[in-house]
Amino acid sequence: MSNYEKLTALVLVLAVGLMAVQAFTAEAVRADDVTEIELWYALSGDIEEATLEFIEEFNETHPDVEINPVHRGTYSEVLTTAIAAYGTPEAPHIVQVSETLGTQTLSDSEAVYPAYELLDDYGYEVDWGDFLEPFQVEGELKGLPFNNSVPILYYNKDAFEEAGLDPEQPPETYEDVEEMGEQLIDSGAVEYAMTVGWPSWLLVENAHTWHGQQFADNDGGFDGHATELYINREFGVEMFEIFKDWHERDILTYEGREGDPNPSFLTGETAIIQTSTGYLSGFEESADFELGTGFLPHNSDYPQGNAWLGGGRIWALQGHEAEEYEAVAEFMNYVTQTEQQADWHRRTGYLPTTQSAAELLEDEGWFEENPNHATAVEQVTVDIEADRLQGIRLGEYTAIRETILDNMEAMFAGEKDIQTALDDAVEQGNSILERYLEQID
């Protein structure tokens, strides 16, 4: 090799080495500039996939922030572990918590950095009035609405047609459920007529608000802390007399808690399911039958009320550094954007939580082209005969709901009569409320 060739080779080696050093240095600088934020969440299945995609898209478009999502089990488990971790180095920056289970508990605590304060502190202007009224607590949003939903009715159009029913006409009343349910079963199209996901949310909480009945005192906790449950009164007993009768006749099958009943519907064993609108996109992809949707059935003996919102919010926890909160605010601001709200609805079925997002979807023709997605939004704005109930704001509702479910399951299993099961749920629930108020006093 000539001296010229040796020199050329040496220059090439040095150049490659220099580029490697520059690349390493740039990566190190980039890593130093990225603020890592841990987000604990509870979603699973198709909804979990959509959540991870949503976070990944944020990370790709915001190179200064890295949201690290961590699945921490069920809604109850996320709330419990987040509270336990608060004040320790293991505490997350953001936690996704059930709307019903955790909103009052976290609102009363000192563990959260309220969303409206956080975003204001870091210079973001948000039109808080654009969020739907049920999300407000004392006029302020301490937790940011994220994956919020209402329960709706889903049905198997193929099974309806096989049973000789109109596949375009879901049941609208309790009388319809009974008559159609008998026809569905007698025809052999299905084994059971109907099931319910998140059974406390459907058979107790929404059964009350959908029929204009208060669930607890002080406007369900919106007009001051609730101290007493009302679910063992005449309305609650009458509802469960109907549900128990349906259960004994296979019109209603109890398939477990949360999303456990979904397979019974998706496999065609059951023709109807009442559950969260958040499952809509997943059901559309998974079902091998034509899917239909409708409003929750209504008992015509009572006035028309409103459905109660569910799903979850994201909350910022106290105890982190200012630069980390700057990144948290950046993510929360992203969530509030109209296009992000609309896109989140398109990919999941969760409600667009702002009026502007709903208007965007309407203007682009989304609801006309996707009528199943319109069902939840139309149900939220249904004309009601009773006073509109804001829903439920109870402290320690995780424990109260567990008590309700335990007694409900004992009733369906024949271990307790209806009045005893509801009385026990109220007695135990009221004790939990009393202890909670003593703790925050």
Protein backbone atom coordinates (compact mmCIF):
# COMPACT_ATOMS: atom_id res chain seq x y z
CA MET A 1 0.00 0.00 0.00
CA SER A 2 1.33 3.42 -0.97
CA ASN A 3 1.75 6.25 1.51
CA TYR A 4 -1.19 8.00 -0.18
CA GLU A 5 -3.42 4.95 0.26
CA LYS A 6 -2.34 4.60 3.92
CA LEU A 7 -3.14 8.26 4.55
CA THR A 8 -6.53 7.94 2.88
CA ALA A 9 -7.38 4.88 4.98
CA LEU A 10 -6.31 6.68 8.16
CA VAL A 11 -8.51 9.67 7.30
CA LEU A 12 -11.47 7.36 6.72
CA VAL A 13 -10.93 5.60 10.06
CA LEU A 14 -10.70 8.94 11.87
CA ALA A 15 -13.82 10.23 10.10
CA VAL A 16 -15.85 7.15 11.02
CA GLY A 17 -14.64 7.39 14.59
CA LEU A 18 -15.51 11.07 14.75
CA MET A 19 -19.02 10.42 13.43
CA ALA A 20 -19.53 7.69 16.02
CA VAL A 21 -18.40 10.02 18.81
CA GLN A 22 -20.71 12.76 17.50
CA ALA A 23 -23.65 10.35 17.29
CA PHE A 24 -23.01 9.07 20.81
CA THR A 25 -22.69 12.61 22.12
CA ALA A 26 -25.89 13.71 20.35
CA GLU A 27 -27.77 10.74 21.78
CA ALA A 28 -26.45 11.50 25.24
CA VAL A 29 -27.50 15.12 24.91
CA ARG A 30 -30.93 14.08 23.62
CA ALA A 31 -31.37 11.66 26.51
CA ASP A 32 -30.39 14.37 28.98
CA ASP A 33 -33.01 16.69 27.45
CA VAL A 34 -35.85 14.15 27.72
CA THR A 35 -38.01 14.27 30.84
CA GLU A 36 -39.37 10.84 31.71
CA ILE A 37 -42.87 10.67 33.18
CA GLU A 38 -44.45 7.52 34.62
CA LEU A 39 -48.17 7.00 34.03
CA TRP A 40 -50.06 4.21 35.81
CA TYR A 41 -53.19 2.93 34.06
CA ALA A 42 -55.80 0.19 34.34
CA LEU A 43 -57.10 -0.37 30.81
CA SER A 44 -56.78 -3.74 29.10
CA GLY A 45 -57.47 -5.52 25.81
CA ASP A 46 -58.27 -3.41 22.75
CA ILE A 47 -58.57 -0.30 24.90
CA GLU A 48 -55.09 -0.84 26.31
CA GLU A 49 -53.68 -1.12 22.77
CA ALA A 50 -55.37 2.16 21.82
CA THR A 51 -54.01 3.83 24.95
CA LEU A 52 -50.46 2.72 24.24
CA GLU A 53 -50.74 3.94 20.63
CA PHE A 54 -52.03 7.29 21.85
CA ILE A 55 -49.09 7.66 24.25
CA GLU A 56 -46.60 6.52 21.61
CA GLU A 57 -47.88 9.17 19.20
CA PHE A 58 -47.47 11.82 21.89
CA ASN A 59 -43.90 10.68 22.56
CA GLU A 60 -43.04 10.79 18.86
CA THR A 61 -44.36 14.33 18.44
CA HIS A 62 -42.94 15.64 21.74
CA PRO A 63 -39.24 14.65 21.75
CA ASP A 64 -38.58 16.45 25.04
CA VAL A 65 -40.99 14.18 26.98
CA GLU A 66 -41.16 10.40 27.37
CA ILE A 67 -44.38 9.07 28.89
CA ASN A 68 -43.72 5.60 30.30
CA PRO A 69 -47.05 3.75 30.70
CA VAL A 70 -47.22 1.09 33.43
CA HIS A 71 -50.19 -1.27 33.77
CA ARG A 72 -51.11 -1.59 37.45
CA GLY A 73 -54.13 -3.91 37.32
CA THR A 74 -57.79 -2.98 37.74
CA TYR A 75 -59.18 0.47 38.46
CA SER A 76 -59.40 -0.42 42.14
CA GLU A 77 -55.81 -1.68 42.20
CA VAL A 78 -54.49 1.42 40.44
CA LEU A 79 -56.18 3.70 42.95
CA THR A 80 -55.03 1.65 45.94
CA THR A 81 -51.41 1.32 44.81
CA ALA A 82 -51.17 4.98 43.78
CA ILE A 83 -52.36 6.15 47.20
CA ALA A 84 -49.95 3.73 48.88
CA ALA A 85 -47.05 4.97 46.73
CA TYR A 86 -47.80 8.66 47.28
CA GLY A 87 -44.91 10.41 49.02
CA THR A 88 -42.39 7.70 48.07
CA PRO A 89 -39.83 7.61 45.22
CA GLU A 90 -42.02 4.96 43.53
CA ALA A 91 -45.01 7.28 43.12
CA PRO A 92 -46.06 7.87 39.50
CA HIS A 93 -46.37 11.34 38.03
CA ILE A 94 -49.77 10.61 36.47
CA VAL A 95 -52.38 8.06 37.51
CA GLN A 96 -55.48 7.01 35.57
CA VAL A 97 -58.34 6.42 38.00
CA SER A 98 -61.98 5.42 37.64
CA GLU A 99 -64.42 8.33 37.36
CA THR A 100 -66.78 6.80 39.94
CA LEU A 101 -64.32 5.04 42.23
CA GLY A 102 -61.70 7.70 42.71
CA THR A 103 -62.88 11.22 41.85
CA GLN A 104 -64.20 12.18 45.29
CA THR A 105 -61.39 10.44 47.18
CA LEU A 106 -58.66 12.15 45.16
CA SER A 107 -60.48 15.51 45.14
CA ASP A 108 -60.52 15.44 48.95
CA SER A 109 -56.88 14.44 49.25
CA GLU A 110 -53.70 16.50 49.31
CA ALA A 111 -52.02 14.00 47.02
CA VAL A 112 -53.00 15.62 43.72
CA TYR A 113 -51.79 18.63 41.80
CA PRO A 114 -55.13 19.87 40.40
CA ALA A 115 -55.19 19.86 36.62
CA TYR A 116 -56.62 23.36 36.34
CA GLU A 117 -53.80 24.72 38.54
CA LEU A 118 -51.07 22.68 36.86
CA LEU A 119 -51.92 23.79 33.34
CA ASP A 120 -52.31 27.41 34.41
CA ASP A 121 -49.01 27.34 36.31
CA TYR A 122 -47.18 26.21 33.18
CA GLY A 123 -48.79 28.70 30.83
CA TYR A 124 -51.45 26.62 29.07
CA GLU A 125 -54.81 28.22 28.34
CA VAL A 126 -57.64 25.69 28.49
CA ASP A 127 -61.34 26.39 27.98
CA TRP A 128 -62.54 24.46 31.02
CA GLY A 129 -66.13 25.39 30.25
CA ASP A 130 -65.89 23.30 27.07
CA PHE A 131 -65.88 20.12 29.16
CA LEU A 132 -69.25 18.51 29.81
CA GLU A 133 -70.82 19.61 33.09
CA PRO A 134 -70.81 16.18 34.83
CA PHE A 135 -67.00 16.27 34.84
CA GLN A 136 -66.94 19.34 37.06
CA VAL A 137 -66.39 19.10 40.81
CA GLU A 138 -67.17 22.40 42.54
CA GLY A 139 -66.70 24.06 39.15
CA GLU A 140 -63.06 22.99 38.84
CA LEU A 141 -61.36 20.09 37.09
CA LYS A 142 -58.84 18.59 39.46
CA GLY A 143 -58.61 15.40 37.42
CA LEU A 144 -58.53 15.62 33.63
CA PRO A 145 -61.27 13.67 31.77
CA PHE A 146 -59.63 11.02 29.60
CA ASN A 147 -61.36 7.71 28.89
CA ASN A 148 -64.90 8.63 29.85
CA SER A 149 -67.93 6.66 28.85
CA VAL A 150 -71.59 5.91 29.43
CA PRO A 151 -73.13 2.45 29.36
CA ILE A 152 -75.15 1.62 26.27
CA LEU A 153 -76.91 -1.46 24.93
CA TYR A 154 -75.16 -3.66 22.34
CA TYR A 155 -77.02 -6.41 20.52
CA ASN A 156 -76.42 -9.20 18.04
CA LYS A 157 -78.45 -8.36 14.92
CA ASP A 158 -77.92 -11.84 13.49
CA ALA A 159 -79.41 -13.47 16.59
CA PHE A 160 -82.37 -11.08 16.46
CA GLU A 161 -83.04 -12.00 12.84
CA GLU A 162 -82.72 -15.73 13.59
CA ALA A 163 -85.27 -15.33 16.39
CA GLY A 164 -87.70 -13.57 14.05
CA LEU A 165 -87.14 -10.14 15.57
CA ASP A 166 -86.50 -6.90 13.70
CA PRO A 167 -82.68 -6.61 13.61
CA GLU A 168 -82.95 -2.83 13.42
CA GLN A 169 -85.05 -2.55 16.59
CA PRO A 170 -83.23 -3.07 19.92
CA PRO A 171 -85.27 -3.27 23.13
CA GLU A 172 -86.18 0.18 24.45
CA THR A 173 -88.19 -0.71 27.56
CA TYR A 174 -88.10 -3.34 30.28
CA GLU A 175 -91.19 -4.83 28.67
CA ASP A 176 -89.24 -5.13 25.41
CA VAL A 177 -86.36 -6.88 27.17
CA GLU A 178 -88.74 -9.44 28.62
CA GLU A 179 -90.72 -10.09 25.44
CA MET A 180 -87.73 -10.10 23.09
CA GLY A 181 -85.68 -12.08 25.60
CA GLU A 182 -88.25 -14.86 25.73
CA GLN A 183 -88.39 -15.01 21.93
CA LEU A 184 -84.59 -15.07 21.62
CA ILE A 185 -84.33 -17.99 24.06
CA ASP A 186 -87.36 -19.95 22.81
CA SER A 187 -86.09 -19.74 19.21
CA GLY A 188 -82.78 -21.33 20.18
CA ALA A 189 -80.84 -18.40 18.74
CA VAL A 190 -79.03 -17.87 22.05
CA GLU A 191 -78.75 -19.47 25.46
CA TYR A 192 -79.33 -16.22 27.36
CA ALA A 193 -81.01 -13.00 26.33
CA MET A 194 -78.90 -10.39 28.14
CA THR A 195 -75.91 -9.82 30.38
CA VAL A 196 -74.33 -6.73 31.91
CA GLY A 197 -70.73 -5.60 32.24
CA TRP A 198 -69.63 -3.61 35.30
CA PRO A 199 -72.80 -4.84 37.08
CA SER A 200 -72.83 -2.34 39.96
CA TRP A 201 -72.50 0.51 37.46
CA LEU A 202 -75.37 -0.87 35.35
CA LEU A 203 -77.80 -2.53 37.75
CA VAL A 204 -77.44 -0.12 40.68
CA GLU A 205 -75.81 3.20 39.84
CA ASN A 206 -77.19 3.78 36.34
CA ALA A 207 -80.46 2.05 37.17
CA HIS A 208 -81.02 4.88 39.64
CA THR A 209 -79.93 7.86 37.54
CA TRP A 210 -81.56 6.49 34.34
CA HIS A 211 -84.89 6.49 36.18
CA GLY A 212 -84.44 9.81 37.96
CA GLN A 213 -83.75 8.28 41.38
CA GLN A 214 -81.13 9.49 43.83
CA PHE A 215 -78.44 6.96 44.76
CA ALA A 216 -77.40 8.69 48.00
CA ASP A 217 -78.09 11.84 50.02
CA ASN A 218 -76.75 15.31 49.23
CA ASP A 219 -77.42 14.87 45.51
CA GLY A 220 -75.28 11.74 45.37
CA GLY A 221 -72.37 13.62 46.96
CA PHE A 222 -72.39 16.62 44.61
CA ASP A 223 -74.08 18.91 47.16
CA GLY A 224 -71.77 18.00 50.05
CA HIS A 225 -70.32 14.72 51.20
CA ALA A 226 -72.81 11.85 51.07
CA THR A 227 -73.50 10.04 54.33
CA GLU A 228 -76.24 7.57 53.39
CA LEU A 229 -77.00 5.21 50.49
CA TYR A 230 -80.56 4.96 49.18
CA ILE A 231 -80.30 1.73 47.21
CA ASN A 232 -82.38 -0.38 49.64
CA ARG A 233 -85.48 1.78 49.25
CA GLU A 234 -88.62 0.97 47.26
CA PHE A 235 -87.06 1.68 43.86
CA GLY A 236 -83.96 -0.45 44.45
CA VAL A 237 -86.00 -3.37 45.76
CA GLU A 238 -88.39 -3.22 42.80
CA MET A 239 -85.51 -3.15 40.31
CA PHE A 240 -83.91 -6.23 41.81
CA GLU A 241 -87.20 -8.07 41.92
CA ILE A 242 -87.23 -7.64 38.15
CA PHE A 243 -83.55 -8.53 37.71
CA LYS A 244 -83.86 -11.62 39.94
CA ASP A 245 -86.92 -12.81 37.99
CA TRP A 246 -85.06 -12.32 34.71
CA HIS A 247 -82.07 -14.18 36.10
CA GLU A 248 -84.20 -17.18 37.04
CA ARG A 249 -85.65 -17.28 33.50
CA ASP A 250 -82.32 -16.86 31.65
CA ILE A 251 -83.38 -13.45 30.34
CA LEU A 252 -80.48 -12.07 32.40
CA THR A 253 -77.25 -13.97 33.07
CA TYR A 254 -74.73 -12.76 35.62
CA GLU A 255 -71.27 -13.40 34.15
CA GLY A 256 -69.01 -11.59 36.61
CA ARG A 257 -67.52 -8.18 37.23
CA GLU A 258 -66.01 -5.46 35.04
CA GLY A 259 -65.43 -6.78 31.50
CA ASP A 260 -65.79 -10.48 32.35
CA PRO A 261 -69.22 -10.77 30.64
CA ASN A 262 -67.87 -9.63 27.24
CA PRO A 263 -67.00 -13.15 25.96
CA SER A 264 -70.56 -14.36 26.58
CA PHE A 265 -71.78 -11.70 24.15
CA LEU A 266 -68.98 -11.93 21.59
CA THR A 267 -69.27 -15.73 21.29
CA GLY A 268 -72.99 -15.51 20.57
CA GLU A 269 -74.05 -17.20 23.81
CA THR A 270 -75.92 -14.03 24.83
CA ALA A 271 -77.78 -11.71 22.43
CA ILE A 272 -77.54 -8.43 24.38
CA ILE A 273 -75.03 -6.79 26.66
CA GLN A 274 -75.25 -3.51 28.51
CA THR A 275 -71.76 -2.16 29.11
CA SER A 276 -69.34 0.70 28.50
CA THR A 277 -69.25 2.55 25.20
CA GLY A 278 -65.47 2.30 25.55
CA TYR A 279 -65.71 -1.27 24.23
CA LEU A 280 -67.37 -0.20 20.97
CA SER A 281 -64.39 -0.22 18.61
CA GLY A 282 -63.14 -3.50 20.06
CA PHE A 283 -66.56 -5.12 19.70
CA GLU A 284 -66.81 -3.95 16.08
CA GLU A 285 -63.45 -5.58 15.32
CA SER A 286 -64.02 -8.79 17.30
CA ALA A 287 -67.66 -9.70 16.67
CA ASP A 288 -68.33 -12.14 13.81
CA PHE A 289 -71.95 -10.95 13.68
CA GLU A 290 -73.54 -7.62 12.75
CA LEU A 291 -73.40 -5.36 15.78
CA GLY A 292 -76.16 -2.97 16.77
CA THR A 293 -76.42 -0.44 19.59
CA GLY A 294 -79.20 1.32 21.46
CA PHE A 295 -80.01 3.28 24.58
CA LEU A 296 -80.26 1.60 27.97
CA PRO A 297 -83.70 0.01 28.36
CA HIS A 298 -86.09 2.05 30.50
CA ASN A 299 -88.71 0.97 33.01
CA SER A 300 -91.79 2.90 31.90
CA ASP A 301 -93.16 3.01 35.48
CA TYR A 302 -90.55 5.69 36.24
CA PRO A 303 -89.58 9.02 34.66
CA GLN A 304 -86.80 9.20 32.08
CA GLY A 305 -83.55 10.22 33.75
CA ASN A 306 -79.99 10.42 32.50
CA ALA A 307 -77.15 7.94 32.20
CA TRP A 308 -74.25 8.34 34.59
CA LEU A 309 -70.76 8.79 33.19
CA GLY A 310 -68.05 6.26 33.91
CA GLY A 311 -64.57 5.55 32.61
CA GLY A 312 -61.63 7.41 34.07
CA ARG A 313 -59.60 10.58 34.53
CA ILE A 314 -55.90 11.22 34.71
CA TRP A 315 -54.51 12.90 37.82
CA ALA A 316 -51.12 14.46 38.56
CA LEU A 317 -49.67 13.46 41.92
CA GLN A 318 -47.78 15.84 44.18
CA GLY A 319 -44.15 15.33 45.17
CA HIS A 320 -42.22 15.70 41.90
CA GLU A 321 -39.80 18.24 40.42
CA ALA A 322 -40.83 21.39 38.55
CA GLU A 323 -39.32 20.21 35.24
CA GLU A 324 -41.30 16.99 35.56
CA TYR A 325 -44.53 18.91 36.10
CA GLU A 326 -43.73 20.95 33.02
CA ALA A 327 -43.71 17.68 31.07
CA VAL A 328 -46.90 16.47 32.77
CA ALA A 329 -48.59 19.73 31.79
CA GLU A 330 -47.39 19.27 28.21
CA PHE A 331 -49.07 15.85 28.08
CA MET A 332 -52.28 17.01 29.75
CA ASN A 333 -52.54 19.95 27.37
CA TYR A 334 -52.19 17.48 24.47
CA VAL A 335 -55.10 15.45 25.87
CA THR A 336 -57.36 18.54 25.99
CA GLN A 337 -56.91 19.38 22.29
CA THR A 338 -60.07 19.10 20.20
CA GLU A 339 -58.49 16.91 17.51
CA GLN A 340 -57.00 14.55 20.11
CA GLN A 341 -60.37 14.26 21.86
CA ALA A 342 -62.07 13.47 18.56
CA ASP A 343 -59.39 10.98 17.51
CA TRP A 344 -59.55 9.21 20.87
CA HIS A 345 -63.31 8.76 20.36
CA ARG A 346 -62.83 7.43 16.82
CA ARG A 347 -60.36 4.75 17.87
CA THR A 348 -62.13 3.60 21.06
CA GLY A 349 -65.75 4.70 21.32
CA TYR A 350 -65.11 6.67 24.50
CA LEU A 351 -67.04 9.92 24.71
CA PRO A 352 -65.56 13.08 23.27
CA THR A 353 -65.46 14.90 26.62
CA THR A 354 -65.64 18.41 25.17
CA GLN A 355 -68.41 20.05 23.19
CA SER A 356 -65.93 21.23 20.55
CA ALA A 357 -64.76 17.65 19.87
CA ALA A 358 -68.35 16.44 19.51
CA GLU A 359 -69.04 19.29 17.09
CA LEU A 360 -65.94 18.45 15.05
CA LEU A 361 -67.05 14.82 14.71
CA GLU A 362 -70.56 15.91 13.73
CA ASP A 363 -69.30 18.42 11.16
CA GLU A 364 -67.04 15.87 9.45
CA GLY A 365 -69.90 13.36 9.14
CA TRP A 366 -68.38 10.81 11.52
CA PHE A 367 -71.61 10.04 13.38
CA GLU A 368 -73.64 9.73 10.20
CA GLU A 369 -71.14 7.22 8.81
CA ASN A 370 -70.75 5.42 12.15
CA PRO A 371 -74.20 5.34 13.79
CA ASN A 372 -73.08 3.01 16.58
CA HIS A 373 -70.66 5.70 17.72
CA ALA A 374 -73.48 8.25 17.76
CA THR A 375 -75.53 6.22 20.26
CA ALA A 376 -73.60 7.24 23.38
CA VAL A 377 -73.52 10.94 22.46
CA GLU A 378 -77.25 10.93 21.69
CA GLN A 379 -77.99 9.12 24.95
CA VAL A 380 -76.09 11.77 26.93
CA THR A 381 -78.32 14.46 25.42
CA VAL A 382 -81.63 12.53 25.66
CA ASP A 383 -84.70 14.50 26.74
CA ILE A 384 -85.38 13.73 30.38
CA GLU A 385 -88.51 14.00 32.51
CA ALA A 386 -86.84 13.99 35.93
CA ASP A 387 -84.28 16.42 37.29
CA ARG A 388 -80.90 15.75 35.71
CA LEU A 389 -78.79 13.90 38.26
CA GLN A 390 -75.08 14.62 38.24
CA GLY A 391 -74.34 11.07 39.39
CA ILE A 392 -72.26 9.84 42.28
CA ARG A 393 -69.40 11.43 44.22
CA LEU A 394 -68.67 9.18 47.18
CA GLY A 395 -65.41 8.84 49.06
CA GLU A 396 -63.91 5.35 49.31
CA TYR A 397 -66.30 4.21 46.60
CA THR A 398 -63.96 1.34 45.71
CA ALA A 399 -64.82 -0.33 49.03
CA ILE A 400 -68.50 0.61 48.76
CA ARG A 401 -68.82 -0.87 45.27
CA GLU A 402 -67.15 -4.09 46.44
CA THR A 403 -69.76 -4.31 49.22
CA ILE A 404 -72.58 -3.76 46.73
CA LEU A 405 -71.20 -6.41 44.37
CA ASP A 406 -70.69 -8.95 47.16
CA ASN A 407 -74.30 -8.60 48.29
CA MET A 408 -75.63 -8.53 44.72
CA GLU A 409 -73.83 -11.80 43.96
CA ALA A 410 -75.18 -13.34 47.17
CA MET A 411 -78.68 -12.34 46.05
CA PHE A 412 -78.30 -13.85 42.56
CA ALA A 413 -76.86 -17.02 44.11
CA GLY A 414 -79.90 -17.36 46.37
CA GLU A 415 -77.85 -16.88 49.53
CA LYS A 416 -79.73 -13.71 50.52
CA ASP A 417 -83.17 -12.37 49.74
CA ILE A 418 -83.35 -9.04 47.91
CA GLN A 419 -84.21 -6.82 50.87
CA THR A 420 -81.57 -8.38 53.10
CA ALA A 421 -78.88 -8.08 50.41
CA LEU A 422 -79.65 -4.40 49.81
CA ASP A 423 -79.99 -3.63 53.54
CA ASP A 424 -76.60 -5.24 54.19
CA ALA A 425 -75.02 -3.30 51.32
CA VAL A 426 -76.40 -0.03 52.70
CA GLU A 427 -75.38 -0.74 56.28
CA GLN A 428 -71.84 -1.67 55.26
CA GLY A 429 -71.63 1.17 52.74
CA ASN A 430 -72.79 3.76 55.28
CA SER A 431 -70.14 2.55 57.72
CA ILE A 432 -67.48 3.05 55.04
CA LEU A 433 -68.79 6.59 54.39
CA GLU A 434 -68.72 7.36 58.12
CA ARG A 435 -65.12 6.21 58.48
CA TYR A 436 -64.13 8.15 55.39
CA LEU A 437 -65.60 11.40 56.69
CA GLU A 438 -63.83 10.89 60.02
CA GLN A 439 -60.52 10.48 58.17
CA ILE A 440 -60.83 13.69 56.14
CA ASP A 441 -62.34 15.78 58.95
